[in-house]
Amino acid sequence: MTAGPGYEDAGSAAGAGPGHEQAGGAARAGQGREDAGGPVTAGEHDPAAAAGHGAAGATPGRAVLVVIDMQPVFADPGSPWAAPRFAETLPVVRALAEQAGADRTVFTRFVAPERPEGAWVAYYADWPFALQPEDAPAYAIVPELAALAAASSVVTATTFGKWGPDLAAHVRPGDTMLLAGVSTDCCVLSTALPAADAGVAVRVVAEACAGADDASHARALDAIRLYAPLADVVDATTAGAILATTTAPPD
């Protein structure tokens, strides 16, 4: 694999991305998604038509969209951590973020620690290319979402899972947290389960997520479904309906 701009050769380390297996060649079609024709963009459907379905998947409070780690380090095909279907998620994520608005959208960023500790020492020994400053271009929000992120809240963390005090500050009791982003089998999964365990209604938007490969994406969604009804998987139409029908204003 030829490294892209800003990336060093990952050497002989096995596996891809944070917690990922190497994706290898082109991803298998469908990424475990029901829509064989490709991802469904949130704006393609009338949310009112799915409002009943959406309301059933939500709780009485607001819906908060959390966009996980949409960064060049996971988007650039030259990065060892690239998610092959990243580009397919972009229009879905953008449409959801535009519908949610800045006051109901939180973007997250994964960054490397300045000095890894504990098990992270061995991890970054395998992935030395990732030891870049937090303001490195690889760790910015991708240009297609940069303006939306600039108007929204951003949570930055050195951990795969983003659920913690910083993110929890944006999710109030009774809110539904919609999750989108990458990678389904790592940072999305690692955020969804602790949040659900904390009592948050979590809904992962399948078409708005991409995994290390199609099989990993599908397995992660299956794992999230095991937590139903605390956490579950929805499609873009249902996510749009949840956003449309859970718009309680801030206190």
C-alpha atoms as a PDB file:
ATOM      1  CA  MET A   1       0.000   0.000   0.000  1.00  0.00           C
ATOM      2  CA  THR A   2       1.341   3.381  -0.961  1.00  0.00           C
ATOM      3  CA  ALA A   3       0.976   5.890   1.812  1.00  0.00           C
ATOM      4  CA  GLY A   4      -0.978   9.059   1.062  1.00  0.00           C
ATOM      5  CA  PRO A   5       0.006  12.639   1.901  1.00  0.00           C
ATOM      6  CA  GLY A   6       1.071  13.008   5.497  1.00  0.00           C
ATOM      7  CA  TYR A   7       1.287   9.272   6.108  1.00  0.00           C
ATOM      8  CA  GLU A   8       4.368   7.208   6.778  1.00  0.00           C
ATOM      9  CA  ASP A   9       4.560   3.584   5.703  1.00  0.00           C
ATOM     10  CA  ALA A  10       2.942   1.463   8.386  1.00  0.00           C
ATOM     11  CA  GLY A  11       5.583  -1.163   7.812  1.00  0.00           C
ATOM     12  CA  SER A  12       4.732  -4.792   8.390  1.00  0.00           C
ATOM     13  CA  ALA A  13       2.206  -4.259  11.182  1.00  0.00           C
ATOM     14  CA  ALA A  14      -0.787  -6.528  10.747  1.00  0.00           C
ATOM     15  CA  GLY A  15      -4.342  -5.208  10.741  1.00  0.00           C
ATOM     16  CA  ALA A  16      -5.856  -1.898   9.755  1.00  0.00           C
ATOM     17  CA  GLY A  17      -6.962   1.145  11.692  1.00  0.00           C
ATOM     18  CA  PRO A  18      -7.891   1.357  15.324  1.00  0.00           C
ATOM     19  CA  GLY A  19      -8.949  -2.187  16.168  1.00  0.00           C
ATOM     20  CA  HIS A  20      -9.368  -3.026  12.484  1.00  0.00           C
ATOM     21  CA  GLU A  21      -8.394  -5.924  10.302  1.00  0.00           C
ATOM     22  CA  GLN A  22      -6.699  -4.947   7.063  1.00  0.00           C
ATOM     23  CA  ALA A  23      -9.354  -4.230   4.446  1.00  0.00           C
ATOM     24  CA  GLY A  24      -7.129  -5.405   1.588  1.00  0.00           C
ATOM     25  CA  GLY A  25      -8.672  -4.785  -1.822  1.00  0.00           C
ATOM     26  CA  ALA A  26     -12.004  -3.390  -2.820  1.00  0.00           C
ATOM     27  CA  ALA A  27     -14.771  -3.799  -0.262  1.00  0.00           C
ATOM     28  CA  ARG A  28     -17.502  -6.309  -0.898  1.00  0.00           C
ATOM     29  CA  ALA A  29     -20.694  -4.850  -2.307  1.00  0.00           C
ATOM     30  CA  GLY A  30     -23.448  -3.802   0.041  1.00  0.00           C
ATOM     31  CA  GLN A  31     -21.407  -3.530   3.274  1.00  0.00           C
ATOM     32  CA  GLY A  32     -24.074  -5.632   4.960  1.00  0.00           C
ATOM     33  CA  ARG A  33     -26.682  -3.042   4.043  1.00  0.00           C
ATOM     34  CA  GLU A  34     -30.214  -3.847   3.008  1.00  0.00           C
ATOM     35  CA  ASP A  35     -30.165  -1.353   0.140  1.00  0.00           C
ATOM     36  CA  ALA A  36     -28.167  -3.145  -2.539  1.00  0.00           C
ATOM     37  CA  GLY A  37     -28.246  -0.069  -4.744  1.00  0.00           C
ATOM     38  CA  GLY A  38     -25.986   1.904  -2.441  1.00  0.00           C
ATOM     39  CA  PRO A  39     -26.445   4.097   0.608  1.00  0.00           C
ATOM     40  CA  VAL A  40     -29.707   5.934   1.086  1.00  0.00           C
ATOM     41  CA  THR A  41     -29.273   9.664   1.508  1.00  0.00           C
ATOM     42  CA  ALA A  42     -31.239  11.120   4.380  1.00  0.00           C
ATOM     43  CA  GLY A  43     -32.796  13.733   2.122  1.00  0.00           C
ATOM     44  CA  GLU A  44     -34.182  11.183  -0.344  1.00  0.00           C
ATOM     45  CA  HIS A  45     -37.228  10.362   1.742  1.00  0.00           C
ATOM     46  CA  ASP A  46     -40.008  12.388   3.260  1.00  0.00           C
ATOM     47  CA  PRO A  47     -39.446  12.219   7.053  1.00  0.00           C
ATOM     48  CA  ALA A  48     -43.169  12.735   7.611  1.00  0.00           C
ATOM     49  CA  ALA A  49     -43.875   9.492   5.773  1.00  0.00           C
ATOM     50  CA  ALA A  50     -41.738   7.604   8.269  1.00  0.00           C
ATOM     51  CA  ALA A  51     -42.653   9.652  11.321  1.00  0.00           C
ATOM     52  CA  GLY A  52     -44.495   6.815  13.016  1.00  0.00           C
ATOM     53  CA  HIS A  53     -41.513   4.489  12.557  1.00  0.00           C
ATOM     54  CA  GLY A  54     -39.099   7.178  13.689  1.00  0.00           C
ATOM     55  CA  ALA A  55     -41.081   8.082  16.775  1.00  0.00           C
ATOM     56  CA  ALA A  56     -41.079   4.433  17.782  1.00  0.00           C
ATOM     57  CA  GLY A  57     -37.288   4.408  17.625  1.00  0.00           C
ATOM     58  CA  ALA A  58     -36.845   7.510  19.753  1.00  0.00           C
ATOM     59  CA  THR A  59     -37.400   8.676  23.302  1.00  0.00           C
ATOM     60  CA  PRO A  60     -39.439  11.738  24.351  1.00  0.00           C
ATOM     61  CA  GLY A  61     -36.520  14.203  24.455  1.00  0.00           C
ATOM     62  CA  ARG A  62     -34.462  15.656  21.652  1.00  0.00           C
ATOM     63  CA  ALA A  63     -32.526  13.731  19.049  1.00  0.00           C
ATOM     64  CA  VAL A  64     -28.799  14.510  19.114  1.00  0.00           C
ATOM     65  CA  LEU A  65     -26.660  13.525  16.138  1.00  0.00           C
ATOM     66  CA  VAL A  66     -23.103  12.480  17.022  1.00  0.00           C
ATOM     67  CA  VAL A  67     -20.766  12.237  14.032  1.00  0.00           C
ATOM     68  CA  ILE A  68     -17.847   9.996  14.891  1.00  0.00           C
ATOM     69  CA  ASP A  69     -14.336  10.665  13.577  1.00  0.00           C
ATOM     70  CA  MET A  70     -14.989  11.780   9.997  1.00  0.00           C
ATOM     71  CA  GLN A  71     -11.310  12.585   9.479  1.00  0.00           C
ATOM     72  CA  PRO A  72      -8.757  12.229   6.664  1.00  0.00           C
ATOM     73  CA  VAL A  73      -6.879   9.536   8.575  1.00  0.00           C
ATOM     74  CA  PHE A  74      -9.918   7.309   7.967  1.00  0.00           C
ATOM     75  CA  ALA A  75     -10.891   8.773   4.582  1.00  0.00           C
ATOM     76  CA  ASP A  76      -7.650   8.936   2.608  1.00  0.00           C
ATOM     77  CA  PRO A  77      -7.204   5.715   0.600  1.00  0.00           C
ATOM     78  CA  GLY A  78      -3.466   6.026   1.243  1.00  0.00           C
ATOM     79  CA  SER A  79      -3.939   5.843   5.003  1.00  0.00           C
ATOM     80  CA  PRO A  80      -3.430   2.456   6.672  1.00  0.00           C
ATOM     81  CA  TRP A  81      -6.615   3.186   8.611  1.00  0.00           C
ATOM     82  CA  ALA A  82      -8.827   4.013   5.626  1.00  0.00           C
ATOM     83  CA  ALA A  83     -12.448   2.825   5.719  1.00  0.00           C
ATOM     84  CA  PRO A  84     -13.159   1.727   2.118  1.00  0.00           C
ATOM     85  CA  ARG A  85     -16.744   3.030   2.090  1.00  0.00           C
ATOM     86  CA  PHE A  86     -16.003   6.342   3.801  1.00  0.00           C
ATOM     87  CA  ALA A  87     -16.971   8.382   0.725  1.00  0.00           C
ATOM     88  CA  GLU A  88     -20.334   6.614   0.517  1.00  0.00           C
ATOM     89  CA  THR A  89     -21.260   7.741   4.005  1.00  0.00           C
ATOM     90  CA  LEU A  90     -20.490  11.415   3.390  1.00  0.00           C
ATOM     91  CA  PRO A  91     -23.755  12.482   1.707  1.00  0.00           C
ATOM     92  CA  VAL A  92     -25.785  10.607   4.315  1.00  0.00           C
ATOM     93  CA  VAL A  93     -23.880  12.169   7.221  1.00  0.00           C
ATOM     94  CA  ARG A  94     -24.064  15.626   5.683  1.00  0.00           C
ATOM     95  CA  ALA A  95     -27.818  15.397   5.086  1.00  0.00           C
ATOM     96  CA  LEU A  96     -28.425  14.278   8.672  1.00  0.00           C
ATOM     97  CA  ALA A  97     -26.202  17.029  10.091  1.00  0.00           C
ATOM     98  CA  GLU A  98     -27.951  19.658   8.004  1.00  0.00           C
ATOM     99  CA  GLN A  99     -31.330  18.400   9.208  1.00  0.00           C
ATOM    100  CA  ALA A 100     -30.247  18.240  12.843  1.00  0.00           C
ATOM    101  CA  GLY A 101     -28.691  21.701  12.827  1.00  0.00           C
ATOM    102  CA  ALA A 102     -25.670  22.894  14.765  1.00  0.00           C
ATOM    103  CA  ASP A 103     -27.466  22.909  18.121  1.00  0.00           C
ATOM    104  CA  ARG A 104     -28.223  19.172  17.870  1.00  0.00           C
ATOM    105  CA  THR A 105     -25.011  17.953  16.227  1.00  0.00           C
ATOM    106  CA  VAL A 106     -21.724  16.980  17.867  1.00  0.00           C
ATOM    107  CA  PHE A 107     -18.645  16.001  15.872  1.00  0.00           C
ATOM    108  CA  THR A 108     -15.895  13.907  17.442  1.00  0.00           C
ATOM    109  CA  ARG A 109     -12.228  13.546  16.565  1.00  0.00           C
ATOM    110  CA  PHE A 110      -9.823  10.741  17.366  1.00  0.00           C
ATOM    111  CA  VAL A 111      -6.278  11.973  18.012  1.00  0.00           C
ATOM    112  CA  ALA A 112      -3.105  10.283  19.170  1.00  0.00           C
ATOM    113  CA  PRO A 113      -1.861  10.965  22.689  1.00  0.00           C
ATOM    114  CA  GLU A 114       1.281  13.016  23.058  1.00  0.00           C
ATOM    115  CA  ARG A 115       2.824  10.129  24.991  1.00  0.00           C
ATOM    116  CA  PRO A 116       1.105   6.746  24.816  1.00  0.00           C
ATOM    117  CA  GLU A 117       0.725   4.896  28.096  1.00  0.00           C
ATOM    118  CA  GLY A 118      -0.167   1.364  29.108  1.00  0.00           C
ATOM    119  CA  ALA A 119      -1.326  -0.906  26.286  1.00  0.00           C
ATOM    120  CA  TRP A 120      -1.292   2.079  23.931  1.00  0.00           C
ATOM    121  CA  VAL A 121       2.522   1.901  23.887  1.00  0.00           C
ATOM    122  CA  ALA A 122       2.424  -1.419  22.036  1.00  0.00           C
ATOM    123  CA  TYR A 123      -0.467  -0.233  19.894  1.00  0.00           C
ATOM    124  CA  TYR A 124       1.413   2.780  18.571  1.00  0.00           C
ATOM    125  CA  ALA A 125       4.532   0.667  18.126  1.00  0.00           C
ATOM    126  CA  ASP A 126       2.443  -1.105  15.469  1.00  0.00           C
ATOM    127  CA  TRP A 127       1.058   2.166  14.085  1.00  0.00           C
ATOM    128  CA  PRO A 128       3.819   4.783  14.422  1.00  0.00           C
ATOM    129  CA  PHE A 129       2.440   6.807  11.493  1.00  0.00           C
ATOM    130  CA  ALA A 130      -0.490   7.833  13.714  1.00  0.00           C
ATOM    131  CA  LEU A 131       1.675   9.594  16.309  1.00  0.00           C
ATOM    132  CA  GLN A 132       0.964  12.986  14.816  1.00  0.00           C
ATOM    133  CA  PRO A 133       0.030  16.202  16.651  1.00  0.00           C
ATOM    134  CA  GLU A 134      -3.660  16.693  17.315  1.00  0.00           C
ATOM    135  CA  ASP A 135      -3.696  19.640  14.892  1.00  0.00           C
ATOM    136  CA  ALA A 136      -2.183  17.565  12.061  1.00  0.00           C
ATOM    137  CA  PRO A 137      -4.227  17.577   8.817  1.00  0.00           C
ATOM    138  CA  ALA A 138      -4.884  13.850   9.229  1.00  0.00           C
ATOM    139  CA  TYR A 139      -6.892  14.576  12.379  1.00  0.00           C
ATOM    140  CA  ALA A 140      -8.976  17.474  11.059  1.00  0.00           C
ATOM    141  CA  ILE A 141     -12.622  17.032  10.072  1.00  0.00           C
ATOM    142  CA  VAL A 142     -12.814  16.226   6.353  1.00  0.00           C
ATOM    143  CA  PRO A 143     -13.395  19.306   4.144  1.00  0.00           C
ATOM    144  CA  GLU A 144     -16.863  18.148   3.089  1.00  0.00           C
ATOM    145  CA  LEU A 145     -18.044  18.466   6.716  1.00  0.00           C
ATOM    146  CA  ALA A 146     -15.677  21.154   8.006  1.00  0.00           C
ATOM    147  CA  ALA A 147     -18.155  24.034   7.839  1.00  0.00           C
ATOM    148  CA  LEU A 148     -20.840  22.026   9.633  1.00  0.00           C
ATOM    149  CA  ALA A 149     -18.336  20.986  12.300  1.00  0.00           C
ATOM    150  CA  ALA A 150     -17.161  24.581  12.755  1.00  0.00           C
ATOM    151  CA  ALA A 151     -20.723  25.597  13.612  1.00  0.00           C
ATOM    152  CA  SER A 152     -21.284  22.628  15.935  1.00  0.00           C
ATOM    153  CA  SER A 153     -19.702  21.295  19.104  1.00  0.00           C
ATOM    154  CA  VAL A 154     -16.573  19.159  18.678  1.00  0.00           C
ATOM    155  CA  VAL A 155     -15.318  16.559  21.165  1.00  0.00           C
ATOM    156  CA  THR A 156     -11.703  15.413  20.816  1.00  0.00           C
ATOM    157  CA  ALA A 157     -10.381  12.284  22.534  1.00  0.00           C
ATOM    158  CA  THR A 158      -7.424   9.904  22.434  1.00  0.00           C
ATOM    159  CA  THR A 159      -9.686   6.897  22.938  1.00  0.00           C
ATOM    160  CA  PHE A 160     -11.694   4.833  20.456  1.00  0.00           C
ATOM    161  CA  GLY A 161     -14.903   5.319  22.419  1.00  0.00           C
ATOM    162  CA  LYS A 162     -16.038   8.926  22.682  1.00  0.00           C
ATOM    163  CA  TRP A 163     -18.627   8.456  25.420  1.00  0.00           C
ATOM    164  CA  GLY A 164     -17.441  10.311  28.502  1.00  0.00           C
ATOM    165  CA  PRO A 165     -18.082  13.583  30.346  1.00  0.00           C
ATOM    166  CA  ASP A 166     -17.368  15.785  27.309  1.00  0.00           C
ATOM    167  CA  LEU A 167     -19.860  14.040  25.047  1.00  0.00           C
ATOM    168  CA  ALA A 168     -22.342  13.324  27.832  1.00  0.00           C
ATOM    169  CA  ALA A 169     -22.569  17.085  28.446  1.00  0.00           C
ATOM    170  CA  HIS A 170     -24.392  17.370  25.108  1.00  0.00           C
ATOM    171  CA  VAL A 171     -26.889  14.541  25.756  1.00  0.00           C
ATOM    172  CA  ARG A 172     -29.573  15.089  28.361  1.00  0.00           C
ATOM    173  CA  PRO A 173     -31.768  12.474  30.064  1.00  0.00           C
ATOM    174  CA  GLY A 174     -34.466  11.357  27.661  1.00  0.00           C
ATOM    175  CA  ASP A 175     -32.534  12.309  24.526  1.00  0.00           C
ATOM    176  CA  THR A 176     -32.006   9.911  21.634  1.00  0.00           C
ATOM    177  CA  MET A 177     -28.400   9.790  20.406  1.00  0.00           C
ATOM    178  CA  LEU A 178     -28.046   9.066  16.700  1.00  0.00           C
ATOM    179  CA  LEU A 179     -24.584   7.815  15.774  1.00  0.00           C
ATOM    180  CA  ALA A 180     -22.912   8.155  12.383  1.00  0.00           C
ATOM    181  CA  GLY A 181     -19.301   7.932  11.245  1.00  0.00           C
ATOM    182  CA  VAL A 182     -16.351   5.572  11.317  1.00  0.00           C
ATOM    183  CA  SER A 183     -15.384   3.019  11.953  1.00  0.00           C
ATOM    184  CA  THR A 184     -18.481   0.980  12.695  1.00  0.00           C
ATOM    185  CA  ASP A 185     -16.452  -1.848  14.209  1.00  0.00           C
ATOM    186  CA  CYS A 186     -14.248   0.364  16.354  1.00  0.00           C
ATOM    187  CA  CYS A 187     -15.009   3.946  17.384  1.00  0.00           C
ATOM    188  CA  VAL A 188     -18.751   3.807  16.620  1.00  0.00           C
ATOM    189  CA  LEU A 189     -19.195   0.525  18.493  1.00  0.00           C
ATOM    190  CA  SER A 190     -16.958   1.726  21.337  1.00  0.00           C
ATOM    191  CA  THR A 191     -19.115   4.838  21.711  1.00  0.00           C
ATOM    192  CA  ALA A 192     -22.504   3.187  21.333  1.00  0.00           C
ATOM    193  CA  LEU A 193     -22.213   0.501  23.990  1.00  0.00           C
ATOM    194  CA  PRO A 194     -20.970   2.608  26.937  1.00  0.00           C
ATOM    195  CA  ALA A 195     -23.587   5.257  26.159  1.00  0.00           C
ATOM    196  CA  ALA A 196     -26.323   2.621  26.086  1.00  0.00           C
ATOM    197  CA  ASP A 197     -25.011   1.186  29.348  1.00  0.00           C
ATOM    198  CA  ALA A 198     -25.328   4.675  30.834  1.00  0.00           C
ATOM    199  CA  GLY A 199     -29.017   4.717  29.932  1.00  0.00           C
ATOM    200  CA  VAL A 200     -28.909   6.679  26.681  1.00  0.00           C
ATOM    201  CA  ALA A 201     -31.174   5.593  23.819  1.00  0.00           C
ATOM    202  CA  VAL A 202     -28.619   4.986  21.053  1.00  0.00           C
ATOM    203  CA  ARG A 203     -29.557   4.534  17.401  1.00  0.00           C
ATOM    204  CA  VAL A 204     -26.749   3.775  14.940  1.00  0.00           C
ATOM    205  CA  VAL A 205     -27.519   4.878  11.376  1.00  0.00           C
ATOM    206  CA  ALA A 206     -26.320   2.000   9.217  1.00  0.00           C
ATOM    207  CA  GLU A 207     -25.859   3.887   5.926  1.00  0.00           C
ATOM    208  CA  ALA A 208     -24.080   6.727   7.711  1.00  0.00           C
ATOM    209  CA  CYS A 209     -21.353   4.408   9.031  1.00  0.00           C
ATOM    210  CA  ALA A 210     -18.434   2.612   7.385  1.00  0.00           C
ATOM    211  CA  GLY A 211     -16.301  -0.205   8.717  1.00  0.00           C
ATOM    212  CA  ALA A 212     -12.859  -1.604   8.066  1.00  0.00           C
ATOM    213  CA  ASP A 213     -14.590  -3.919   5.601  1.00  0.00           C
ATOM    214  CA  ASP A 214     -18.131  -5.044   4.888  1.00  0.00           C
ATOM    215  CA  ALA A 215     -18.032  -8.077   7.160  1.00  0.00           C
ATOM    216  CA  SER A 216     -16.699  -6.040  10.106  1.00  0.00           C
ATOM    217  CA  HIS A 217     -19.372  -3.389   9.542  1.00  0.00           C
ATOM    218  CA  ALA A 218     -22.111  -6.042   9.574  1.00  0.00           C
ATOM    219  CA  ARG A 219     -20.746  -7.795  12.672  1.00  0.00           C
ATOM    220  CA  ALA A 220     -20.581  -4.509  14.564  1.00  0.00           C
ATOM    221  CA  LEU A 221     -24.182  -3.674  13.707  1.00  0.00           C
ATOM    222  CA  ASP A 222     -25.213  -7.145  14.871  1.00  0.00           C
ATOM    223  CA  ALA A 223     -23.407  -6.586  18.176  1.00  0.00           C
ATOM    224  CA  ILE A 224     -25.191  -3.260  18.661  1.00  0.00           C
ATOM    225  CA  ARG A 225     -28.566  -4.911  18.008  1.00  0.00           C
ATOM    226  CA  LEU A 226     -27.884  -7.229  20.946  1.00  0.00           C
ATOM    227  CA  TYR A 227     -28.325  -4.189  23.209  1.00  0.00           C
ATOM    228  CA  ALA A 228     -31.851  -3.410  21.989  1.00  0.00           C
ATOM    229  CA  PRO A 229     -33.842  -1.547  23.081  1.00  0.00           C
ATOM    230  CA  LEU A 230     -31.078   0.507  24.710  1.00  0.00           C
ATOM    231  CA  ALA A 231     -29.097   0.540  21.470  1.00  0.00           C
ATOM    232  CA  ASP A 232     -30.287  -0.415  18.026  1.00  0.00           C
ATOM    233  CA  VAL A 233     -29.623   0.084  14.318  1.00  0.00           C
ATOM    234  CA  VAL A 234     -31.799   2.271  12.081  1.00  0.00           C
ATOM    235  CA  ASP A 235     -31.724   3.298   8.447  1.00  0.00           C
ATOM    236  CA  ALA A 236     -31.383   6.847   7.143  1.00  0.00           C
ATOM    237  CA  THR A 237     -35.131   7.242   6.633  1.00  0.00           C
ATOM    238  CA  THR A 238     -35.840   6.374  10.247  1.00  0.00           C
ATOM    239  CA  ALA A 239     -33.015   8.616  11.444  1.00  0.00           C
ATOM    240  CA  GLY A 240     -34.538  11.507   9.503  1.00  0.00           C
ATOM    241  CA  ALA A 241     -37.918  10.786  11.069  1.00  0.00           C
ATOM    242  CA  ILE A 242     -36.407  10.694  14.558  1.00  0.00           C
ATOM    243  CA  LEU A 243     -34.801  14.077  13.937  1.00  0.00           C
ATOM    244  CA  ALA A 244     -38.092  15.439  12.624  1.00  0.00           C
ATOM    245  CA  THR A 245     -40.219  14.154  15.505  1.00  0.00           C
ATOM    246  CA  THR A 246     -37.911  14.720  18.497  1.00  0.00           C
ATOM    247  CA  THR A 247     -37.236  18.424  18.394  1.00  0.00           C
ATOM    248  CA  ALA A 248     -37.878  19.462  21.978  1.00  0.00           C
ATOM    249  CA  PRO A 249     -36.153  22.840  22.415  1.00  0.00           C
ATOM    250  CA  PRO A 250     -33.314  23.253  24.940  1.00  0.00           C
ATOM    251  CA  ASP A 251     -34.359  24.167  28.465  1.00  0.00           C
END
